[in-house]
Amino acid sequence: MPKFLRFIRNLRLPNCSICNERVELETAKTDEDGKAVHEDCYVQRMIRLKEIVPPPKAS
């Protein structure tokens, strides 16, 4: 692919709202705010949040 076409293609790709790297449209997912994310980034963020937030206590 010619260099200028790669440049134009990269301008149109969204950035992952977690890692700020380009997200390919074919593999892009969206977070709860509708922003583009990599699936792996989102899963890792959810795992970290689960570790930080204790589960609610049963009454």
PDB file of N, CA and C in Angstrom:
ATOM      1  N   MET A   1       0.854  -1.174   0.000  1.00  0.00           N
ATOM      2  CA  MET A   1       0.000   0.000   0.000  1.00  0.00           C
ATOM      3  C   MET A   1       0.902   1.240   0.000  1.00  0.00           C
ATOM      4  N   PRO A   2       0.628   2.190  -0.882  1.00  0.00           N
ATOM      5  CA  PRO A   2       1.443   3.415  -0.922  1.00  0.00           C
ATOM      6  C   PRO A   2       1.394   4.152   0.415  1.00  0.00           C
ATOM      7  N   LYS A   3       2.480   4.838   0.712  1.00  0.00           N
ATOM      8  CA  LYS A   3       2.634   5.524   1.995  1.00  0.00           C
ATOM      9  C   LYS A   3       1.518   6.541   2.256  1.00  0.00           C
ATOM     10  N   PHE A   4       1.132   7.309   1.252  1.00  0.00           N
ATOM     11  CA  PHE A   4       0.107   8.334   1.460  1.00  0.00           C
ATOM     12  C   PHE A   4      -1.251   7.712   1.762  1.00  0.00           C
ATOM     13  N   LEU A   5      -1.555   6.538   1.206  1.00  0.00           N
ATOM     14  CA  LEU A   5      -2.823   5.875   1.515  1.00  0.00           C
ATOM     15  C   LEU A   5      -2.841   5.362   2.953  1.00  0.00           C
ATOM     16  N   ARG A   6      -1.699   4.860   3.435  1.00  0.00           N
ATOM     17  CA  ARG A   6      -1.616   4.433   4.830  1.00  0.00           C
ATOM     18  C   ARG A   6      -1.815   5.623   5.757  1.00  0.00           C
ATOM     19  N   PHE A   7      -1.238   6.767   5.400  1.00  0.00           N
ATOM     20  CA  PHE A   7      -1.383   7.977   6.208  1.00  0.00           C
ATOM     21  C   PHE A   7      -2.851   8.391   6.300  1.00  0.00           C
ATOM     22  N   ILE A   8      -3.542   8.414   5.174  1.00  0.00           N
ATOM     23  CA  ILE A   8      -4.957   8.807   5.156  1.00  0.00           C
ATOM     24  C   ILE A   8      -5.800   7.788   5.918  1.00  0.00           C
ATOM     25  N   ARG A   9      -5.507   6.524   5.755  1.00  0.00           N
ATOM     26  CA  ARG A   9      -6.252   5.485   6.468  1.00  0.00           C
ATOM     27  C   ARG A   9      -6.080   5.648   7.977  1.00  0.00           C
ATOM     28  N   ASN A  10      -4.879   5.940   8.433  1.00  0.00           N
ATOM     29  CA  ASN A  10      -4.630   6.121   9.859  1.00  0.00           C
ATOM     30  C   ASN A  10      -5.339   7.339  10.431  1.00  0.00           C
ATOM     31  N   LEU A  11      -5.551   8.364   9.622  1.00  0.00           N
ATOM     32  CA  LEU A  11      -6.259   9.549  10.105  1.00  0.00           C
ATOM     33  C   LEU A  11      -7.703   9.242  10.470  1.00  0.00           C
ATOM     34  N   ARG A  12      -8.277   8.263   9.834  1.00  0.00           N
ATOM     35  CA  ARG A  12      -9.684   7.956  10.037  1.00  0.00           C
ATOM     36  C   ARG A  12      -9.930   6.953  11.158  1.00  0.00           C
ATOM     37  N   LEU A  13      -8.913   6.273  11.617  1.00  0.00           N
ATOM     38  CA  LEU A  13      -9.110   5.272  12.653  1.00  0.00           C
ATOM     39  C   LEU A  13      -9.279   5.933  14.012  1.00  0.00           C
ATOM     40  N   PRO A  14     -10.243   5.453  14.791  1.00  0.00           N
ATOM     41  CA  PRO A  14     -10.415   6.019  16.144  1.00  0.00           C
ATOM     42  C   PRO A  14      -9.324   5.524  17.083  1.00  0.00           C
ATOM     43  N   ASN A  15      -9.097   6.264  18.152  1.00  0.00           N
ATOM     44  CA  ASN A  15      -8.159   5.847  19.196  1.00  0.00           C
ATOM     45  C   ASN A  15      -8.911   5.134  20.301  1.00  0.00           C
ATOM     46  N   CYS A  16      -8.271   4.156  20.880  1.00  0.00           N
ATOM     47  CA  CYS A  16      -8.823   3.445  22.036  1.00  0.00           C
ATOM     48  C   CYS A  16      -8.890   4.443  23.196  1.00  0.00           C
ATOM     49  N   SER A  17     -10.042   4.516  23.848  1.00  0.00           N
ATOM     50  CA  SER A  17     -10.187   5.470  24.948  1.00  0.00           C
ATOM     51  C   SER A  17      -9.416   5.054  26.192  1.00  0.00           C
ATOM     52  N   ILE A  18      -8.852   3.844  26.193  1.00  0.00           N
ATOM     53  CA  ILE A  18      -8.089   3.365  27.342  1.00  0.00           C
ATOM     54  C   ILE A  18      -6.592   3.515  27.115  1.00  0.00           C
ATOM     55  N   CYS A  19      -6.078   2.973  25.996  1.00  0.00           N
ATOM     56  CA  CYS A  19      -4.630   3.003  25.760  1.00  0.00           C
ATOM     57  C   CYS A  19      -4.202   4.080  24.767  1.00  0.00           C
ATOM     58  N   ASN A  20      -5.163   4.722  24.101  1.00  0.00           N
ATOM     59  CA  ASN A  20      -4.924   5.801  23.142  1.00  0.00           C
ATOM     60  C   ASN A  20      -4.206   5.349  21.872  1.00  0.00           C
ATOM     61  N   GLU A  21      -4.198   4.050  21.587  1.00  0.00           N
ATOM     62  CA  GLU A  21      -3.647   3.531  20.328  1.00  0.00           C
ATOM     63  C   GLU A  21      -4.777   3.415  19.314  1.00  0.00           C
ATOM     64  N   ARG A  22      -4.429   3.365  18.047  1.00  0.00           N
ATOM     65  CA  ARG A  22      -5.426   3.227  16.988  1.00  0.00           C
ATOM     66  C   ARG A  22      -6.182   1.912  17.125  1.00  0.00           C
ATOM     67  N   VAL A  23      -7.463   1.953  16.818  1.00  0.00           N
ATOM     68  CA  VAL A  23      -8.308   0.760  16.853  1.00  0.00           C
ATOM     69  C   VAL A  23      -8.777   0.465  15.430  1.00  0.00           C
ATOM     70  N   GLU A  24      -8.485  -0.740  14.946  1.00  0.00           N
ATOM     71  CA  GLU A  24      -8.980  -1.145  13.635  1.00  0.00           C
ATOM     72  C   GLU A  24     -10.500  -1.251  13.702  1.00  0.00           C
ATOM     73  N   LEU A  25     -11.178  -0.759  12.698  1.00  0.00           N
ATOM     74  CA  LEU A  25     -12.634  -0.772  12.712  1.00  0.00           C
ATOM     75  C   LEU A  25     -13.189  -2.188  12.749  1.00  0.00           C
ATOM     76  N   GLU A  26     -12.469  -3.131  12.152  1.00  0.00           N
ATOM     77  CA  GLU A  26     -12.935  -4.515  12.112  1.00  0.00           C
ATOM     78  C   GLU A  26     -12.940  -5.163  13.500  1.00  0.00           C
ATOM     79  N   THR A  27     -12.096  -4.675  14.400  1.00  0.00           N
ATOM     80  CA  THR A  27     -11.993  -5.287  15.727  1.00  0.00           C
ATOM     81  C   THR A  27     -12.434  -4.344  16.847  1.00  0.00           C
ATOM     82  N   ALA A  28     -12.886  -3.144  16.504  1.00  0.00           N
ATOM     83  CA  ALA A  28     -13.256  -2.154  17.520  1.00  0.00           C
ATOM     84  C   ALA A  28     -14.482  -2.594  18.305  1.00  0.00           C
ATOM     85  N   LYS A  29     -14.462  -2.312  19.575  1.00  0.00           N
ATOM     86  CA  LYS A  29     -15.603  -2.489  20.473  1.00  0.00           C
ATOM     87  C   LYS A  29     -15.911  -1.115  21.046  1.00  0.00           C
ATOM     88  N   THR A  30     -17.021  -0.990  21.744  1.00  0.00           N
ATOM     89  CA  THR A  30     -17.330   0.281  22.384  1.00  0.00           C
ATOM     90  C   THR A  30     -17.513   0.076  23.882  1.00  0.00           C
ATOM     91  N   ASP A  31     -17.106   1.090  24.645  1.00  0.00           N
ATOM     92  CA  ASP A  31     -17.279   1.025  26.090  1.00  0.00           C
ATOM     93  C   ASP A  31     -18.665   1.546  26.458  1.00  0.00           C
ATOM     94  N   GLU A  32     -18.922   1.673  27.752  1.00  0.00           N
ATOM     95  CA  GLU A  32     -20.245   2.109  28.207  1.00  0.00           C
ATOM     96  C   GLU A  32     -20.571   3.544  27.806  1.00  0.00           C
ATOM     97  N   ASP A  33     -19.557   4.316  27.409  1.00  0.00           N
ATOM     98  CA  ASP A  33     -19.785   5.689  26.950  1.00  0.00           C
ATOM     99  C   ASP A  33     -19.851   5.797  25.436  1.00  0.00           C
ATOM    100  N   GLY A  34     -19.783   4.656  24.737  1.00  0.00           N
ATOM    101  CA  GLY A  34     -19.853   4.646  23.283  1.00  0.00           C
ATOM    102  C   GLY A  34     -18.533   4.975  22.604  1.00  0.00           C
ATOM    103  N   LYS A  35     -17.434   4.976  23.348  1.00  0.00           N
ATOM    104  CA  LYS A  35     -16.118   5.278  22.784  1.00  0.00           C
ATOM    105  C   LYS A  35     -15.442   3.994  22.318  1.00  0.00           C
ATOM    106  N   ALA A  36     -14.621   4.105  21.281  1.00  0.00           N
ATOM    107  CA  ALA A  36     -13.918   2.950  20.731  1.00  0.00           C
ATOM    108  C   ALA A  36     -12.863   2.436  21.700  1.00  0.00           C
ATOM    109  N   VAL A  37     -12.783   1.117  21.828  1.00  0.00           N
ATOM    110  CA  VAL A  37     -11.782   0.477  22.678  1.00  0.00           C
ATOM    111  C   VAL A  37     -11.337  -0.835  22.046  1.00  0.00           C
ATOM    112  N   HIS A  38     -10.132  -1.275  22.423  1.00  0.00           N
ATOM    113  CA  HIS A  38      -9.703  -2.632  22.094  1.00  0.00           C
ATOM    114  C   HIS A  38     -10.398  -3.559  23.089  1.00  0.00           C
ATOM    115  N   GLU A  39     -10.795  -4.720  22.639  1.00  0.00           N
ATOM    116  CA  GLU A  39     -11.456  -5.663  23.540  1.00  0.00           C
ATOM    117  C   GLU A  39     -10.557  -6.027  24.716  1.00  0.00           C
ATOM    118  N   ASP A  40      -9.271  -6.277  24.456  1.00  0.00           N
ATOM    119  CA  ASP A  40      -8.341  -6.636  25.531  1.00  0.00           C
ATOM    120  C   ASP A  40      -8.192  -5.508  26.552  1.00  0.00           C
ATOM    121  N   CYS A  41      -8.127  -4.276  26.078  1.00  0.00           N
ATOM    122  CA  CYS A  41      -8.017  -3.139  26.998  1.00  0.00           C
ATOM    123  C   CYS A  41      -9.245  -3.063  27.898  1.00  0.00           C
ATOM    124  N   TYR A  42     -10.410  -3.254  27.315  1.00  0.00           N
ATOM    125  CA  TYR A  42     -11.650  -3.164  28.082  1.00  0.00           C
ATOM    126  C   TYR A  42     -11.732  -4.275  29.123  1.00  0.00           C
ATOM    127  N   VAL A  43     -11.385  -5.487  28.722  1.00  0.00           N
ATOM    128  CA  VAL A  43     -11.424  -6.613  29.660  1.00  0.00           C
ATOM    129  C   VAL A  43     -10.460  -6.373  30.812  1.00  0.00           C
ATOM    130  N   GLN A  44      -9.245  -5.930  30.517  1.00  0.00           N
ATOM    131  CA  GLN A  44      -8.272  -5.663  31.573  1.00  0.00           C
ATOM    132  C   GLN A  44      -8.756  -4.568  32.514  1.00  0.00           C
ATOM    133  N   ARG A  45      -9.390  -3.535  31.971  1.00  0.00           N
ATOM    134  CA  ARG A  45      -9.912  -2.461  32.816  1.00  0.00           C
ATOM    135  C   ARG A  45     -11.016  -2.984  33.733  1.00  0.00           C
ATOM    136  N   MET A  46     -11.890  -3.831  33.208  1.00  0.00           N
ATOM    137  CA  MET A  46     -12.969  -4.395  34.021  1.00  0.00           C
ATOM    138  C   MET A  46     -12.406  -5.287  35.133  1.00  0.00           C
ATOM    139  N   ILE A  47     -11.369  -6.041  34.831  1.00  0.00           N
ATOM    140  CA  ILE A  47     -10.738  -6.892  35.840  1.00  0.00           C
ATOM    141  C   ILE A  47     -10.138  -6.029  36.944  1.00  0.00           C
ATOM    142  N   ARG A  48      -9.438  -4.955  36.573  1.00  0.00           N
ATOM    143  CA  ARG A  48      -8.848  -4.066  37.571  1.00  0.00           C
ATOM    144  C   ARG A  48      -9.925  -3.409  38.431  1.00  0.00           C
ATOM    145  N   LEU A  49     -11.023  -2.966  37.805  1.00  0.00           N
ATOM    146  CA  LEU A  49     -12.099  -2.331  38.566  1.00  0.00           C
ATOM    147  C   LEU A  49     -12.743  -3.313  39.533  1.00  0.00           C
ATOM    148  N   LYS A  50     -12.894  -4.551  39.112  1.00  0.00           N
ATOM    149  CA  LYS A  50     -13.493  -5.560  39.984  1.00  0.00           C
ATOM    150  C   LYS A  50     -12.609  -5.814  41.203  1.00  0.00           C
ATOM    151  N   GLU A  51     -11.289  -5.760  41.005  1.00  0.00           N
ATOM    152  CA  GLU A  51     -10.365  -5.967  42.118  1.00  0.00           C
ATOM    153  C   GLU A  51     -10.403  -4.796  43.100  1.00  0.00           C
ATOM    154  N   ILE A  52     -10.671  -3.602  42.613  1.00  0.00           N
ATOM    155  CA  ILE A  52     -10.665  -2.405  43.447  1.00  0.00           C
ATOM    156  C   ILE A  52     -11.981  -2.251  44.222  1.00  0.00           C
ATOM    157  N   VAL A  53     -13.097  -2.513  43.559  1.00  0.00           N
ATOM    158  CA  VAL A  53     -14.407  -2.314  44.173  1.00  0.00           C
ATOM    159  C   VAL A  53     -14.824  -3.609  44.862  1.00  0.00           C
ATOM    160  N   PRO A  54     -14.981  -3.573  46.193  1.00  0.00           N
ATOM    161  CA  PRO A  54     -15.412  -4.780  46.893  1.00  0.00           C
ATOM    162  C   PRO A  54     -16.863  -5.112  46.556  1.00  0.00           C
ATOM    163  N   PRO A  55     -17.206  -6.388  46.558  1.00  0.00           N
ATOM    164  CA  PRO A  55     -18.590  -6.754  46.271  1.00  0.00           C
ATOM    165  C   PRO A  55     -19.518  -6.275  47.388  1.00  0.00           C
ATOM    166  N   PRO A  56     -20.772  -6.007  47.060  1.00  0.00           N
ATOM    167  CA  PRO A  56     -21.702  -5.562  48.107  1.00  0.00           C
ATOM    168  C   PRO A  56     -21.935  -6.689  49.119  1.00  0.00           C
ATOM    169  N   LYS A  57     -22.126  -6.294  50.375  1.00  0.00           N
ATOM    170  CA  LYS A  57     -22.362  -7.285  51.415  1.00  0.00           C
ATOM    171  C   LYS A  57     -23.826  -7.732  51.380  1.00  0.00           C
ATOM    172  N   ALA A  58     -24.032  -9.024  51.557  1.00  0.00           N
ATOM    173  CA  ALA A  58     -25.401  -9.553  51.596  1.00  0.00           C
ATOM    174  C   ALA A  58     -26.047  -9.189  52.928  1.00  0.00           C
ATOM    175  N   SER A  59     -27.339  -8.884  52.882  1.00  0.00           N
ATOM    176  CA  SER A  59     -28.012  -8.531  54.138  1.00  0.00           C
ATOM    177  C   SER A  59     -28.904  -9.652  54.594  1.00  0.00           C
TER     178      SER A  59
END
